[in-house]
Amino acid sequence: MDINVKVVVFTVQKALPMMTRDGSIVVVSSVVNVKGIPAHGTYTAAKAGVRALVRVWAQELKGKGIRVNTLSPGATETPKIRGQFDSDAASDAAKTAFASMTPLGRLGLAEEIAAGAYFLASGESSYVTAIDLPVDGGLAQV
């Protein structure tokens, strides 16, 4: 909760005085915010909490012209995913399992997650606020 909720709250609080009209806040959640994944209850609750905060902030900041959105990645090929397991074999098995649950049949790439964040932060999404953009290969939809 400290990392996934408190840090987000404190970061947004510190950033707001420096933001100008037409600003954009992109908060990273996770596809788990809409999934019930066994053994991940606290993480899921934290990410769902962040999603709820974004809905509130979108209402509270609309008068200042600041948009607030959530980006929710699915399983993504990063060094962190390997570090979550005791062995390379366990990591490979987990990645295979994640890929098999994902409609696109693979893990996401960091560049794909970044493209979603860029879209939400850019003027290309000037009429978008309070949404959750899943960049997850379709996992949240099945």
Protein backbone atom coordinates (compact mmCIF):
# COMPACT_ATOMS: atom_id res chain seq x y z
CA MET A 1 0.00 0.00 0.00
CA ASP A 2 2.86 2.38 0.74
CA ILE A 3 4.35 2.03 -2.73
CA ASN A 4 1.19 1.53 -4.75
CA VAL A 5 -1.13 4.03 -3.07
CA LYS A 6 0.65 6.43 -0.71
CA VAL A 7 3.44 7.26 -3.16
CA VAL A 8 0.87 8.04 -5.85
CA VAL A 9 -1.12 10.30 -3.52
CA PHE A 10 1.95 12.16 -2.28
CA THR A 11 3.38 12.54 -5.80
CA VAL A 12 0.15 14.00 -7.16
CA GLN A 13 -0.09 16.36 -4.16
CA LYS A 14 3.45 17.65 -4.80
CA ALA A 15 2.95 17.93 -8.58
CA LEU A 16 -0.34 19.83 -8.54
CA PRO A 17 1.06 23.25 -7.58
CA MET A 18 3.42 23.06 -10.55
CA MET A 19 0.79 22.01 -13.08
CA THR A 20 -0.86 24.34 -15.53
CA ARG A 21 -4.18 24.30 -17.34
CA ASP A 22 -4.41 21.53 -19.96
CA GLY A 23 -2.08 19.40 -17.84
CA SER A 24 -2.31 15.65 -17.68
CA ILE A 25 -1.67 13.18 -14.89
CA VAL A 26 -1.12 9.54 -15.82
CA VAL A 27 -1.24 7.11 -12.91
CA VAL A 28 0.00 3.57 -13.43
CA SER A 29 -2.32 0.91 -12.09
CA SER A 30 -2.44 -2.68 -13.33
CA VAL A 31 -4.79 -4.96 -15.19
CA VAL A 32 -5.34 -6.66 -11.82
CA ASN A 33 -7.50 -3.72 -10.78
CA VAL A 34 -10.37 -5.49 -12.59
CA LYS A 35 -9.29 -9.13 -12.15
CA GLY A 36 -9.48 -11.42 -9.15
CA ILE A 37 -6.05 -13.04 -9.10
CA PRO A 38 -5.52 -15.55 -6.27
CA ALA A 39 -2.69 -14.68 -3.84
CA HIS A 40 -2.59 -11.06 -5.05
CA GLY A 41 -5.33 -9.54 -2.89
CA THR A 42 -3.36 -6.68 -1.37
CA TYR A 43 -1.74 -5.73 -4.68
CA THR A 44 -5.14 -5.87 -6.41
CA ALA A 45 -6.71 -3.72 -3.70
CA ALA A 46 -3.93 -1.15 -4.02
CA LYS A 47 -4.23 -0.93 -7.79
CA ALA A 48 -8.04 -0.73 -7.60
CA GLY A 49 -7.61 2.02 -5.01
CA VAL A 50 -5.41 4.00 -7.36
CA ARG A 51 -8.05 3.57 -10.06
CA ALA A 52 -10.68 4.95 -7.67
CA LEU A 53 -8.48 7.93 -6.80
CA VAL A 54 -8.16 8.78 -10.50
CA ARG A 55 -11.94 8.90 -10.84
CA VAL A 56 -12.15 11.32 -7.89
CA TRP A 57 -9.23 13.46 -9.06
CA ALA A 58 -10.71 13.77 -12.55
CA GLN A 59 -13.77 15.37 -10.95
CA GLU A 60 -11.79 17.50 -8.51
CA LEU A 61 -9.32 18.82 -11.08
CA LYS A 62 -11.64 19.44 -14.02
CA GLY A 63 -12.02 23.10 -13.05
CA LYS A 64 -8.25 23.52 -13.32
CA GLY A 65 -8.24 21.93 -16.77
CA ILE A 66 -6.14 18.99 -15.58
CA ARG A 67 -6.97 15.57 -16.97
CA VAL A 68 -6.31 12.45 -14.89
CA ASN A 69 -6.20 8.93 -16.31
CA THR A 70 -5.02 5.48 -15.36
CA LEU A 71 -2.76 3.26 -17.45
CA SER A 72 -3.09 -0.44 -16.62
CA PRO A 73 -0.40 -2.72 -18.03
CA GLY A 74 -0.72 -6.46 -18.19
CA ALA A 75 2.24 -8.81 -17.84
CA THR A 76 5.18 -7.03 -19.42
CA GLU A 77 8.60 -8.31 -20.45
CA THR A 78 10.92 -6.45 -18.09
CA PRO A 79 13.87 -7.43 -15.90
CA LYS A 80 11.57 -7.12 -12.87
CA ILE A 81 9.48 -10.07 -13.96
CA ARG A 82 12.53 -12.33 -13.88
CA GLY A 83 13.50 -11.06 -10.43
CA GLN A 84 10.16 -12.14 -8.95
CA PHE A 85 11.04 -15.83 -9.22
CA ASP A 86 13.62 -18.10 -7.60
CA SER A 87 15.00 -19.44 -10.86
CA ASP A 88 15.11 -18.76 -14.58
CA ALA A 89 13.00 -21.89 -15.11
CA ALA A 90 10.29 -20.59 -12.76
CA SER A 91 10.42 -17.18 -14.43
CA ASP A 92 10.10 -18.75 -17.89
CA ALA A 93 7.17 -20.88 -16.72
CA ALA A 94 5.41 -17.83 -15.29
CA LYS A 95 5.94 -15.84 -18.48
CA THR A 96 4.54 -18.74 -20.51
CA ALA A 97 1.51 -18.87 -18.21
CA PHE A 98 0.96 -15.10 -18.45
CA ALA A 99 1.24 -15.25 -22.24
CA SER A 100 -1.27 -18.10 -22.43
CA MET A 101 -3.85 -16.06 -20.45
CA THR A 102 -3.43 -13.05 -22.74
CA PRO A 103 -5.53 -13.00 -25.94
CA LEU A 104 -2.56 -11.74 -27.97
CA GLY A 105 -0.58 -14.74 -26.69
CA ARG A 106 2.49 -12.84 -25.48
CA LEU A 107 3.77 -10.46 -22.87
CA GLY A 108 3.76 -6.76 -23.55
CA LEU A 109 6.86 -4.75 -24.28
CA ALA A 110 7.95 -1.75 -22.25
CA GLU A 111 7.73 0.36 -25.42
CA GLU A 112 4.06 -0.58 -25.80
CA ILE A 113 3.30 0.53 -22.25
CA ALA A 114 5.21 3.76 -22.84
CA ALA A 115 3.17 4.43 -25.99
CA GLY A 116 -0.03 4.23 -23.95
CA ALA A 117 1.37 6.61 -21.34
CA TYR A 118 2.52 9.01 -24.05
CA PHE A 119 -0.95 9.01 -25.60
CA LEU A 120 -2.63 9.80 -22.27
CA ALA A 121 -0.11 12.57 -21.50
CA SER A 122 -0.27 14.15 -24.94
CA GLY A 123 -2.69 16.52 -26.59
CA GLU A 124 -3.88 13.61 -28.72
CA SER A 125 -6.03 12.61 -25.74
CA SER A 126 -7.27 16.12 -24.94
CA TYR A 127 -10.88 14.90 -24.65
CA VAL A 128 -10.00 11.92 -22.45
CA THR A 129 -10.18 11.96 -18.67
CA ALA A 130 -11.02 9.51 -15.87
CA ILE A 131 -10.43 6.46 -18.04
CA ASP A 132 -8.47 3.31 -17.39
CA LEU A 133 -6.45 2.44 -20.49
CA PRO A 134 -5.53 -1.24 -20.36
CA VAL A 135 -2.37 -1.95 -22.32
CA ASP A 136 -2.55 -5.64 -21.65
CA GLY A 137 -2.99 -7.63 -24.85
CA GLY A 138 -6.72 -7.95 -24.09
CA LEU A 139 -6.36 -9.64 -20.70
CA ALA A 140 -8.76 -7.32 -18.86
CA GLN A 141 -11.50 -8.07 -21.39
CA VAL A 142 -11.58 -11.87 -21.08
